[in-house]
C-alpha atoms as a PDB file:
ATOM      1  CA  MET A   1     114.020  91.690 115.656  1.00  0.00           C
ATOM      2  CA  SER A   2     113.824  94.894 113.664  1.00  0.00           C
ATOM      3  CA  ILE A   3     116.423  97.490 112.742  1.00  0.00           C
ATOM      4  CA  CYS A   4     113.723 100.164 112.522  1.00  0.00           C
ATOM      5  CA  VAL A   5     114.100 103.051 114.949  1.00  0.00           C
ATOM      6  CA  GLN A   6     110.349 103.719 114.861  1.00  0.00           C
ATOM      7  CA  SER A   7     107.965 101.486 116.792  1.00  0.00           C
ATOM      8  CA  MET A   8     106.321  98.706 114.760  1.00  0.00           C
ATOM      9  CA  VAL A   9     103.505  98.309 117.303  1.00  0.00           C
ATOM     10  CA  TRP A  10     100.171  99.309 115.812  1.00  0.00           C
ATOM     11  CA  ARG A  11      97.932 101.705 117.703  1.00  0.00           C
ATOM     12  CA  LEU A  12      94.781 103.713 117.172  1.00  0.00           C
ATOM     13  CA  ALA A  13      95.665 107.377 116.602  1.00  0.00           C
ATOM     14  CA  GLU A  14      93.663 110.326 117.893  1.00  0.00           C
ATOM     15  CA  SER A  15      90.921 111.568 115.581  1.00  0.00           C
ATOM     16  CA  ASP A  16      92.322 113.442 112.560  1.00  0.00           C
ATOM     17  CA  GLU A  17      90.755 116.931 112.568  1.00  0.00           C
ATOM     18  CA  SER A  18      90.752 117.397 108.786  1.00  0.00           C
ATOM     19  CA  THR A  19      89.126 114.040 107.936  1.00  0.00           C
ATOM     20  CA  GLU A  20      87.433 113.125 111.236  1.00  0.00           C
ATOM     21  CA  GLN A  21      88.973 109.652 110.832  1.00  0.00           C
ATOM     22  CA  ARG A  22      90.649 107.437 113.419  1.00  0.00           C
ATOM     23  CA  PHE A  23      93.729 106.100 111.609  1.00  0.00           C
ATOM     24  CA  ILE A  24      95.956 103.179 112.541  1.00  0.00           C
ATOM     25  CA  GLU A  25      99.587 104.177 113.049  1.00  0.00           C
ATOM     26  CA  THR A  26     102.829 102.490 114.079  1.00  0.00           C
ATOM     27  CA  SER A  27     103.706 104.410 117.217  1.00  0.00           C
ATOM     28  CA  GLY A  28     102.294 102.025 119.804  1.00  0.00           C
ATOM     29  CA  VAL A  29     104.067 101.096 123.007  1.00  0.00           C
ATOM     30  CA  GLU A  30     104.942  97.505 123.834  1.00  0.00           C
ATOM     31  CA  GLY A  31     103.790  96.425 127.227  1.00  0.00           C
ATOM     32  CA  SER A  32     101.429  94.474 129.372  1.00  0.00           C
ATOM     33  CA  PRO A  33      97.662  94.800 128.913  1.00  0.00           C
ATOM     34  CA  GLY A  34      96.288  97.881 130.637  1.00  0.00           C
ATOM     35  CA  PHE A  35      95.360 101.530 130.215  1.00  0.00           C
ATOM     36  CA  GLU A  36      98.790 102.518 128.809  1.00  0.00           C
ATOM     37  CA  THR A  37      98.504 100.023 125.937  1.00  0.00           C
ATOM     38  CA  SER A  38      94.728 100.120 125.379  1.00  0.00           C
ATOM     39  CA  ALA A  39      95.066 101.819 121.960  1.00  0.00           C
ATOM     40  CA  ASN A  40      97.283  98.925 120.743  1.00  0.00           C
ATOM     41  CA  TRP A  41      94.800  96.061 120.838  1.00  0.00           C
ATOM     42  CA  PHE A  42      93.482  94.589 117.603  1.00  0.00           C
ATOM     43  CA  LYS A  43      92.203  91.128 116.783  1.00  0.00           C
ATOM     44  CA  LEU A  44      91.141  89.041 113.798  1.00  0.00           C
ATOM     45  CA  GLU A  45      87.486  88.011 113.593  1.00  0.00           C
ATOM     46  CA  LYS A  46      85.746  85.716 111.128  1.00  0.00           C
ATOM     47  CA  ASP A  47      83.725  87.764 108.622  1.00  0.00           C
ATOM     48  CA  VAL A  48      80.113  86.536 108.648  1.00  0.00           C
ATOM     49  CA  ASP A  49      79.611  87.577 104.995  1.00  0.00           C
ATOM     50  CA  SER A  50      82.502  85.540 103.571  1.00  0.00           C
ATOM     51  CA  GLU A  51      85.190  82.965 104.314  1.00  0.00           C
ATOM     52  CA  ASP A  52      87.616  85.786 105.087  1.00  0.00           C
ATOM     53  CA  TYR A  53      88.710  87.446 108.306  1.00  0.00           C
ATOM     54  CA  LYS A  54      88.602  91.095 109.295  1.00  0.00           C
ATOM     55  CA  LEU A  55      90.779  93.219 111.539  1.00  0.00           C
ATOM     56  CA  VAL A  56      88.955  94.736 114.508  1.00  0.00           C
ATOM     57  CA  PHE A  57      90.003  97.310 117.105  1.00  0.00           C
ATOM     58  CA  PHE A  58      88.946  95.706 120.374  1.00  0.00           C
ATOM     59  CA  PRO A  59      90.783  96.812 123.532  1.00  0.00           C
ATOM     60  CA  SER A  60      89.097  94.327 125.863  1.00  0.00           C
ATOM     61  CA  VAL A  61      92.286  94.226 127.951  1.00  0.00           C
ATOM     62  CA  CYS A  62      91.237  97.411 129.749  1.00  0.00           C
ATOM     63  CA  LYS A  63      88.032  96.835 131.705  1.00  0.00           C
ATOM     64  CA  PHE A  64      87.448 100.514 132.613  1.00  0.00           C
ATOM     65  CA  CYS A  65      88.409 102.091 129.242  1.00  0.00           C
ATOM     66  CA  ARG A  66      85.633 103.480 127.037  1.00  0.00           C
ATOM     67  CA  PHE A  67      86.626 102.321 123.550  1.00  0.00           C
ATOM     68  CA  ALA A  68      84.214 101.009 120.953  1.00  0.00           C
ATOM     69  CA  HIS A  69      84.576  97.663 119.189  1.00  0.00           C
ATOM     70  CA  LYS A  70      85.135  98.857 115.575  1.00  0.00           C
ATOM     71  CA  GLU A  71      86.148  97.239 112.313  1.00  0.00           C
ATOM     72  CA  VAL A  72      89.217  98.420 110.400  1.00  0.00           C
ATOM     73  CA  GLY A  73      88.860  99.402 106.745  1.00  0.00           C
ATOM     74  CA  ILE A  74      90.732 101.331 104.082  1.00  0.00           C
ATOM     75  CA  TYR A  75      90.339 105.106 103.904  1.00  0.00           C
ATOM     76  CA  MET A  76      91.146 106.700 100.536  1.00  0.00           C
ATOM     77  CA  GLY A  77      92.371 110.254 100.958  1.00  0.00           C
ATOM     78  CA  GLY A  78      91.852 113.045  98.450  1.00  0.00           C
ATOM     79  CA  ASP A  79      95.483 112.617  97.423  1.00  0.00           C
ATOM     80  CA  GLY A  80      94.895 108.940  96.531  1.00  0.00           C
ATOM     81  CA  VAL A  81      96.817 107.626  99.534  1.00  0.00           C
ATOM     82  CA  ARG A  82      95.169 104.647 101.245  1.00  0.00           C
ATOM     83  CA  ARG A  83      95.397 104.254 105.019  1.00  0.00           C
ATOM     84  CA  LEU A  84      93.964 101.859 107.572  1.00  0.00           C
ATOM     85  CA  ALA A  85      91.250 103.503 109.659  1.00  0.00           C
ATOM     86  CA  LEU A  86      88.231 102.610 111.760  1.00  0.00           C
ATOM     87  CA  VAL A  87      85.091 102.320 109.625  1.00  0.00           C
ATOM     88  CA  ASP A  88      81.531 103.267 110.463  1.00  0.00           C
ATOM     89  CA  ASP A  89      78.982 100.566 111.201  1.00  0.00           C
ATOM     90  CA  GLY A  90      77.668  99.170 107.928  1.00  0.00           C
ATOM     91  CA  ALA A  91      80.799 100.133 105.949  1.00  0.00           C
ATOM     92  CA  ARG A  92      82.825  97.326 104.384  1.00  0.00           C
ATOM     93  CA  PRO A  93      85.840  96.333 106.495  1.00  0.00           C
ATOM     94  CA  PHE A  94      89.195  95.359 105.038  1.00  0.00           C
ATOM     95  CA  THR A  95      89.116  91.564 104.785  1.00  0.00           C
ATOM     96  CA  ILE A  96      92.008  89.113 104.872  1.00  0.00           C
ATOM     97  CA  MET A  97      92.058  85.642 103.329  1.00  0.00           C
ATOM     98  CA  PHE A  98      94.293  82.904 104.670  1.00  0.00           C
ATOM     99  CA  LYS A  99      95.303  80.071 102.382  1.00  0.00           C
ATOM    100  CA  LYS A 100      96.926  76.858 103.510  1.00  0.00           C
ATOM    101  CA  ALA A 101     100.456  76.633 102.160  1.00  0.00           C
ATOM    102  CA  ALA A 102     101.450  73.686 100.010  1.00  0.00           C
ATOM    103  CA  ALA A 103     103.548  71.123 101.862  1.00  0.00           C
END
């Protein structure tokens, strides 16, 4: 449960005209898999270059949608602000390490 008025569901935003980036934002819509929620679907994948995981935009829930399977990385703006965004093929994705908690 959240007391936030704004949605906490992640989604892929439209392309930003000034940077030509596809940013991740928190204005997604909760709902069942389908066209209406196709911009909301992300998954964790094992990174083949390390023991870490990476976040990937992968809307496989919509069979007729034309979205690309893309990794998520960190975009550093000219103002120094870092934002999550889709990265080009070959660019380093943002990786996540999980560590088993002590009992």
